[in-house]
Amino acid sequence: MDQNNNHIHCTVDSCVHHSAQNGCSLNQIRVGCCEGSPTSCKGTECDSFQLK
């Protein structure tokens, strides 16, 4: 099922949820922290990521 959610843009094609045109097949994603108090995007991550 490769449905594209036009509201979630993603370039991580190693994720099972990655879909055509740099989209995501999920209706929503969870964003988490890699650091205690992130001050940039590098301190966050997509918690919905699943390796293909």
Protein backbone atom coordinates (compact mmCIF):
# COMPACT_ATOMS: atom_id res chain seq x y z
CA MET A 1 0.00 0.00 0.00
CA ASP A 2 1.95 3.01 -1.26
CA GLN A 3 -0.38 5.91 -0.63
CA ASN A 4 1.21 9.34 -0.56
CA ASN A 5 0.30 11.85 2.14
CA ASN A 6 0.94 15.23 0.51
CA HIS A 7 1.18 16.89 3.96
CA ILE A 8 4.18 14.85 5.14
CA HIS A 9 7.34 15.40 3.11
CA CYS A 10 10.19 12.93 3.60
CA THR A 11 13.40 12.13 1.72
CA VAL A 12 14.37 9.03 3.76
CA ASP A 13 13.82 6.33 1.17
CA SER A 14 15.16 3.60 3.49
CA CYS A 15 11.96 3.92 5.56
CA VAL A 16 9.14 1.45 4.94
CA HIS A 17 6.67 4.39 4.99
CA HIS A 18 8.49 6.39 2.26
CA SER A 19 6.33 6.83 -0.83
CA ALA A 20 6.49 8.38 -4.27
CA GLN A 21 7.53 12.00 -4.75
CA ASN A 22 9.29 12.22 -1.35
CA GLY A 23 6.13 11.65 0.62
CA CYS A 24 5.01 9.44 3.48
CA SER A 25 2.31 6.78 3.43
CA LEU A 26 1.34 7.44 7.07
CA ASN A 27 -1.54 9.73 8.04
CA GLN A 28 0.55 11.15 10.87
CA ILE A 29 4.05 10.76 12.29
CA ARG A 30 5.60 10.98 15.75
CA VAL A 31 8.57 13.31 16.24
CA GLY A 32 10.91 12.60 19.13
CA CYS A 33 14.12 13.97 20.61
CA CYS A 34 17.65 12.60 20.30
CA GLU A 35 18.89 15.11 22.88
CA GLY A 36 17.56 16.23 26.25
CA SER A 37 16.90 19.83 25.16
CA PRO A 38 17.28 20.08 21.38
CA THR A 39 18.19 23.47 19.95
CA SER A 40 18.12 22.50 16.25
CA CYS A 41 16.51 19.95 13.95
CA LYS A 42 19.56 17.70 14.43
CA GLY A 43 18.31 17.08 17.98
CA THR A 44 15.01 15.60 16.77
CA GLU A 45 14.02 12.48 14.83
CA CYS A 46 11.03 10.78 13.25
CA ASP A 47 9.90 8.17 15.78
CA SER A 48 7.68 6.61 13.09
CA PHE A 49 10.71 5.50 11.05
CA GLN A 50 10.88 1.77 10.26
CA LEU A 51 13.72 0.32 8.20
CA LYS A 52 12.65 -1.33 4.94
